[in-house]
């Protein structure tokens, strides 16, 4: 199976989206404030990465 550049972009975007959702969900279960902030920062970073890749895919004329 041969993957195109678009396949790789879409795969990364999907993974970043899933990470953002997982971090946000995990954050709600954490009681320690320092760990909660750390996971919140990871969720924010994953969200920004997902947004960048989704925009890149849209610019190329495809859907994330």
PDB file of N, CA and C in Angstrom:
ATOM      1  N   UNK A   1       0.845  -1.179   0.000  1.00  0.00           N
ATOM      2  CA  UNK A   1       0.000   0.000   0.000  1.00  0.00           C
ATOM      3  C   UNK A   1       0.890   1.241   0.000  1.00  0.00           C
ATOM      4  N   UNK A   2       0.584   2.160  -0.894  1.00  0.00           N
ATOM      5  CA  UNK A   2       1.364   3.378  -1.011  1.00  0.00           C
ATOM      6  C   UNK A   2       0.563   4.554  -0.455  1.00  0.00           C
ATOM      7  N   UNK A   3       1.184   5.294   0.465  1.00  0.00           N
ATOM      8  CA  UNK A   3       0.531   6.451   1.060  1.00  0.00           C
ATOM      9  C   UNK A   3       0.977   7.722   0.354  1.00  0.00           C
ATOM     10  N   UNK A   4       0.029   8.577   0.060  1.00  0.00           N
ATOM     11  CA  UNK A   4       0.347   9.866  -0.542  1.00  0.00           C
ATOM     12  C   UNK A   4       0.621  10.876   0.575  1.00  0.00           C
ATOM     13  N   UNK A   5       1.115  12.035   0.177  1.00  0.00           N
ATOM     14  CA  UNK A   5       1.324  13.106   1.148  1.00  0.00           C
ATOM     15  C   UNK A   5       0.009  13.478   1.834  1.00  0.00           C
ATOM     16  N   UNK A   6      -1.082  13.499   1.058  1.00  0.00           N
ATOM     17  CA  UNK A   6      -2.378  13.839   1.632  1.00  0.00           C
ATOM     18  C   UNK A   6      -2.817  12.791   2.650  1.00  0.00           C
ATOM     19  N   UNK A   7      -2.560  11.523   2.345  1.00  0.00           N
ATOM     20  CA  UNK A   7      -2.890  10.465   3.309  1.00  0.00           C
ATOM     21  C   UNK A   7      -2.166  10.696   4.630  1.00  0.00           C
ATOM     22  N   UNK A   8      -0.901  11.062   4.537  1.00  0.00           N
ATOM     23  CA  UNK A   8      -0.107  11.288   5.742  1.00  0.00           C
ATOM     24  C   UNK A   8      -0.610  12.514   6.509  1.00  0.00           C
ATOM     25  N   UNK A   9      -0.947  13.584   5.797  1.00  0.00           N
ATOM     26  CA  UNK A   9      -1.495  14.778   6.450  1.00  0.00           C
ATOM     27  C   UNK A   9      -2.807  14.444   7.166  1.00  0.00           C
ATOM     28  N   UNK A  10      -3.672  13.729   6.484  1.00  0.00           N
ATOM     29  CA  UNK A  10      -4.959  13.381   7.081  1.00  0.00           C
ATOM     30  C   UNK A  10      -4.798  12.446   8.273  1.00  0.00           C
ATOM     31  N   UNK A  11      -3.847  11.543   8.196  1.00  0.00           N
ATOM     32  CA  UNK A  11      -3.603  10.632   9.308  1.00  0.00           C
ATOM     33  C   UNK A  11      -3.081  11.387  10.528  1.00  0.00           C
ATOM     34  N   UNK A  12      -2.141  12.312  10.308  1.00  0.00           N
ATOM     35  CA  UNK A  12      -1.617  13.098  11.418  1.00  0.00           C
ATOM     36  C   UNK A  12      -2.714  13.979  12.022  1.00  0.00           C
ATOM     37  N   UNK A  13      -3.520  14.600  11.165  1.00  0.00           N
ATOM     38  CA  UNK A  13      -4.607  15.463  11.655  1.00  0.00           C
ATOM     39  C   UNK A  13      -5.566  14.657  12.513  1.00  0.00           C
ATOM     40  N   UNK A  14      -5.899  13.457  12.085  1.00  0.00           N
ATOM     41  CA  UNK A  14      -6.795  12.587  12.847  1.00  0.00           C
ATOM     42  C   UNK A  14      -6.185  12.230  14.192  1.00  0.00           C
ATOM     43  N   UNK A  15      -4.901  11.896  14.194  1.00  0.00           N
ATOM     44  CA  UNK A  15      -4.229  11.538  15.444  1.00  0.00           C
ATOM     45  C   UNK A  15      -4.173  12.717  16.410  1.00  0.00           C
ATOM     46  N   UNK A  16      -3.897  13.918  15.886  1.00  0.00           N
ATOM     47  CA  UNK A  16      -3.862  15.107  16.732  1.00  0.00           C
ATOM     48  C   UNK A  16      -5.251  15.407  17.300  1.00  0.00           C
ATOM     49  N   UNK A  17      -6.282  15.217  16.482  1.00  0.00           N
ATOM     50  CA  UNK A  17      -7.663  15.421  16.940  1.00  0.00           C
ATOM     51  C   UNK A  17      -8.010  14.457  18.062  1.00  0.00           C
ATOM     52  N   UNK A  18      -7.646  13.191  17.882  1.00  0.00           N
ATOM     53  CA  UNK A  18      -7.933  12.182  18.906  1.00  0.00           C
ATOM     54  C   UNK A  18      -7.151  12.470  20.191  1.00  0.00           C
ATOM     55  N   UNK A  19      -5.905  12.940  20.066  1.00  0.00           N
ATOM     56  CA  UNK A  19      -5.103  13.278  21.244  1.00  0.00           C
ATOM     57  C   UNK A  19      -5.731  14.443  22.004  1.00  0.00           C
ATOM     58  N   UNK A  20      -6.182  15.459  21.279  1.00  0.00           N
ATOM     59  CA  UNK A  20      -6.808  16.612  21.927  1.00  0.00           C
ATOM     60  C   UNK A  20      -8.047  16.183  22.711  1.00  0.00           C
ATOM     61  N   UNK A  21      -8.850  15.321  22.110  1.00  0.00           N
ATOM     62  CA  UNK A  21     -10.062  14.852  22.803  1.00  0.00           C
ATOM     63  C   UNK A  21      -9.698  14.009  24.020  1.00  0.00           C
ATOM     64  N   UNK A  22      -8.706  13.148  23.877  1.00  0.00           N
ATOM     65  CA  UNK A  22      -8.314  12.280  24.989  1.00  0.00           C
ATOM     66  C   UNK A  22      -7.751  13.110  26.143  1.00  0.00           C
ATOM     67  N   UNK A  23      -6.872  14.061  25.835  1.00  0.00           N
ATOM     68  CA  UNK A  23      -6.314  14.906  26.894  1.00  0.00           C
ATOM     69  C   UNK A  23      -7.402  15.695  27.608  1.00  0.00           C
ATOM     70  N   UNK A  24      -8.355  16.231  26.859  1.00  0.00           N
ATOM     71  CA  UNK A  24      -9.440  16.996  27.473  1.00  0.00           C
ATOM     72  C   UNK A  24     -10.278  16.109  28.392  1.00  0.00           C
ATOM     73  N   UNK A  25     -10.535  14.901  27.967  1.00  0.00           N
ATOM     74  CA  UNK A  25     -11.299  13.968  28.792  1.00  0.00           C
ATOM     75  C   UNK A  25     -10.524  13.571  30.042  1.00  0.00           C
ATOM     76  N   UNK A  26      -9.246  13.258  29.875  1.00  0.00           N
ATOM     77  CA  UNK A  26      -8.412  12.865  31.010  1.00  0.00           C
ATOM     78  C   UNK A  26      -8.301  14.007  32.015  1.00  0.00           C
ATOM     79  N   UNK A  27      -8.203  15.228  31.519  1.00  0.00           N
ATOM     80  CA  UNK A  27      -8.064  16.399  32.390  1.00  0.00           C
ATOM     81  C   UNK A  27      -9.214  16.494  33.394  1.00  0.00           C
ATOM     82  N   UNK A  28     -10.401  16.099  32.991  1.00  0.00           N
ATOM     83  CA  UNK A  28     -11.558  16.196  33.887  1.00  0.00           C
ATOM     84  C   UNK A  28     -11.486  15.212  35.047  1.00  0.00           C
ATOM     85  N   UNK A  29     -10.662  14.177  34.928  1.00  0.00           N
ATOM     86  CA  UNK A  29     -10.546  13.150  35.960  1.00  0.00           C
ATOM     87  C   UNK A  29      -9.416  13.411  36.952  1.00  0.00           C
ATOM     88  N   UNK A  30      -8.565  14.387  36.666  1.00  0.00           N
ATOM     89  CA  UNK A  30      -7.374  14.624  37.478  1.00  0.00           C
ATOM     90  C   UNK A  30      -7.692  15.601  38.608  1.00  0.00           C
ATOM     91  N   UNK A  31      -7.263  15.252  39.796  1.00  0.00           N
ATOM     92  CA  UNK A  31      -7.487  16.102  40.962  1.00  0.00           C
ATOM     93  C   UNK A  31      -6.292  16.987  41.281  1.00  0.00           C
ATOM     94  N   UNK A  32      -5.078  16.528  41.006  1.00  0.00           N
ATOM     95  CA  UNK A  32      -3.869  17.302  41.301  1.00  0.00           C
ATOM     96  C   UNK A  32      -3.802  18.519  40.372  1.00  0.00           C
ATOM     97  N   UNK A  33      -3.749  19.727  40.931  1.00  0.00           N
ATOM     98  CA  UNK A  33      -3.789  20.933  40.086  1.00  0.00           C
ATOM     99  C   UNK A  33      -2.595  21.066  39.135  1.00  0.00           C
ATOM    100  N   UNK A  34      -1.404  20.663  39.576  1.00  0.00           N
ATOM    101  CA  UNK A  34      -0.230  20.770  38.695  1.00  0.00           C
ATOM    102  C   UNK A  34      -0.339  19.814  37.510  1.00  0.00           C
ATOM    103  N   UNK A  35      -0.735  18.593  37.787  1.00  0.00           N
ATOM    104  CA  UNK A  35      -0.899  17.616  36.711  1.00  0.00           C
ATOM    105  C   UNK A  35      -2.048  18.021  35.789  1.00  0.00           C
ATOM    106  N   UNK A  36      -3.084  18.584  36.370  1.00  0.00           N
ATOM    107  CA  UNK A  36      -4.227  19.036  35.565  1.00  0.00           C
ATOM    108  C   UNK A  36      -3.801  20.136  34.590  1.00  0.00           C
ATOM    109  N   UNK A  37      -2.958  21.076  35.068  1.00  0.00           N
ATOM    110  CA  UNK A  37      -2.444  22.137  34.185  1.00  0.00           C
ATOM    111  C   UNK A  37      -1.566  21.559  33.080  1.00  0.00           C
ATOM    112  N   UNK A  38      -0.746  20.576  33.424  1.00  0.00           N
ATOM    113  CA  UNK A  38       0.128  19.945  32.439  1.00  0.00           C
ATOM    114  C   UNK A  38      -0.683  19.251  31.344  1.00  0.00           C
ATOM    115  N   UNK A  39      -1.682  18.503  31.728  1.00  0.00           N
ATOM    116  CA  UNK A  39      -2.534  17.815  30.745  1.00  0.00           C
ATOM    117  C   UNK A  39      -3.334  18.841  29.939  1.00  0.00           C
ATOM    118  N   UNK A  40      -3.756  19.917  30.589  1.00  0.00           N
ATOM    119  CA  UNK A  40      -4.461  20.987  29.878  1.00  0.00           C
ATOM    120  C   UNK A  40      -3.577  21.621  28.810  1.00  0.00           C
ATOM    121  N   UNK A  41      -2.304  21.808  29.139  1.00  0.00           N
ATOM    122  CA  UNK A  41      -1.362  22.361  28.163  1.00  0.00           C
ATOM    123  C   UNK A  41      -1.166  21.383  26.998  1.00  0.00           C
ATOM    124  N   UNK A  42      -1.118  20.097  27.297  1.00  0.00           N
ATOM    125  CA  UNK A  42      -0.990  19.093  26.230  1.00  0.00           C
ATOM    126  C   UNK A  42      -2.226  19.115  25.338  1.00  0.00           C
ATOM    127  N   UNK A  43      -3.402  19.279  25.925  1.00  0.00           N
ATOM    128  CA  UNK A  43      -4.642  19.354  25.140  1.00  0.00           C
ATOM    129  C   UNK A  43      -4.619  20.579  24.222  1.00  0.00           C
ATOM    130  N   UNK A  44      -4.160  21.696  24.750  1.00  0.00           N
ATOM    131  CA  UNK A  44      -4.084  22.919  23.959  1.00  0.00           C
ATOM    132  C   UNK A  44      -3.096  22.763  22.803  1.00  0.00           C
ATOM    133  N   UNK A  45      -1.935  22.167  23.079  1.00  0.00           N
ATOM    134  CA  UNK A  45      -0.936  21.958  22.032  1.00  0.00           C
ATOM    135  C   UNK A  45      -1.470  21.029  20.938  1.00  0.00           C
ATOM    136  N   UNK A  46      -2.146  19.964  21.335  1.00  0.00           N
ATOM    137  CA  UNK A  46      -2.707  19.032  20.354  1.00  0.00           C
ATOM    138  C   UNK A  46      -3.786  19.718  19.520  1.00  0.00           C
ATOM    139  N   UNK A  47      -4.574  20.568  20.160  1.00  0.00           N
ATOM    140  CA  UNK A  47      -5.631  21.294  19.449  1.00  0.00           C
ATOM    141  C   UNK A  47      -5.043  22.242  18.406  1.00  0.00           C
ATOM    142  N   UNK A  48      -3.986  22.958  18.781  1.00  0.00           N
ATOM    143  CA  UNK A  48      -3.344  23.873  17.834  1.00  0.00           C
ATOM    144  C   UNK A  48      -2.726  23.117  16.659  1.00  0.00           C
ATOM    145  N   UNK A  49      -2.097  21.996  16.953  1.00  0.00           N
ATOM    146  CA  UNK A  49      -1.504  21.184  15.888  1.00  0.00           C
ATOM    147  C   UNK A  49      -2.584  20.665  14.943  1.00  0.00           C
ATOM    148  N   UNK A  50      -3.676  20.184  15.503  1.00  0.00           N
ATOM    149  CA  UNK A  50      -4.782  19.675  14.684  1.00  0.00           C
ATOM    150  C   UNK A  50      -5.335  20.777  13.789  1.00  0.00           C
ATOM    151  N   UNK A  51      -5.481  21.966  14.345  1.00  0.00           N
ATOM    152  CA  UNK A  51      -6.020  23.081  13.569  1.00  0.00           C
ATOM    153  C   UNK A  51      -5.100  23.439  12.397  1.00  0.00           C
ATOM    154  N   UNK A  52      -3.796  23.471  12.645  1.00  0.00           N
ATOM    155  CA  UNK A  52      -2.841  23.788  11.577  1.00  0.00           C
ATOM    156  C   UNK A  52      -2.921  22.764  10.442  1.00  0.00           C
ATOM    157  N   UNK A  53      -2.972  21.499  10.803  1.00  0.00           N
ATOM    158  CA  UNK A  53      -3.005  20.465   9.771  1.00  0.00           C
ATOM    159  C   UNK A  53      -4.352  20.428   9.055  1.00  0.00           C
ATOM    160  N   UNK A  54      -5.441  20.679   9.775  1.00  0.00           N
ATOM    161  CA  UNK A  54      -6.749  20.729   9.129  1.00  0.00           C
ATOM    162  C   UNK A  54      -6.794  21.868   8.117  1.00  0.00           C
ATOM    163  N   UNK A  55      -6.242  23.020   8.485  1.00  0.00           N
ATOM    164  CA  UNK A  55      -6.200  24.155   7.558  1.00  0.00           C
ATOM    165  C   UNK A  55      -5.330  23.852   6.343  1.00  0.00           C
ATOM    166  N   UNK A  56      -4.211  23.160   6.563  1.00  0.00           N
ATOM    167  CA  UNK A  56      -3.341  22.786   5.455  1.00  0.00           C
ATOM    168  C   UNK A  56      -4.071  21.858   4.482  1.00  0.00           C
ATOM    169  N   UNK A  57      -4.799  20.907   5.025  1.00  0.00           N
ATOM    170  CA  UNK A  57      -5.553  19.964   4.191  1.00  0.00           C
ATOM    171  C   UNK A  57      -6.637  20.698   3.403  1.00  0.00           C
ATOM    172  N   UNK A  58      -7.335  21.612   4.069  1.00  0.00           N
ATOM    173  CA  UNK A  58      -8.386  22.385   3.399  1.00  0.00           C
ATOM    174  C   UNK A  58      -7.814  23.241   2.269  1.00  0.00           C
ATOM    175  N   UNK A  59      -6.626  23.826   2.491  1.00  0.00           N
ATOM    176  CA  UNK A  59      -5.986  24.629   1.450  1.00  0.00           C
ATOM    177  C   UNK A  59      -5.636  23.786   0.223  1.00  0.00           C
ATOM    178  N   UNK A  60      -5.348  22.519   0.445  1.00  0.00           N
ATOM    179  CA  UNK A  60      -5.030  21.618  -0.663  1.00  0.00           C
ATOM    180  C   UNK A  60      -6.281  21.111  -1.367  1.00  0.00           C
ATOM    181  N   UNK A  61      -7.461  21.510  -0.868  1.00  0.00           N
ATOM    182  CA  UNK A  61      -8.701  21.160  -1.529  1.00  0.00           C
ATOM    183  C   UNK A  61      -9.312  19.845  -1.101  1.00  0.00           C
ATOM    184  N   UNK A  62      -8.873  19.319   0.036  1.00  0.00           N
ATOM    185  CA  UNK A  62      -9.431  18.055   0.538  1.00  0.00           C
ATOM    186  C   UNK A  62     -10.078  18.315   1.894  1.00  0.00           C
ATOM    187  N   UNK A  63     -10.640  17.278   2.451  1.00  0.00           N
ATOM    188  CA  UNK A  63     -11.285  17.395   3.764  1.00  0.00           C
ATOM    189  C   UNK A  63     -10.489  16.635   4.806  1.00  0.00           C
ATOM    190  N   UNK A  64     -10.371  17.230   6.021  1.00  0.00           N
ATOM    191  CA  UNK A  64      -9.656  16.521   7.095  1.00  0.00           C
ATOM    192  C   UNK A  64     -10.409  15.284   7.536  1.00  0.00           C
TER     193      UNK A  64
END
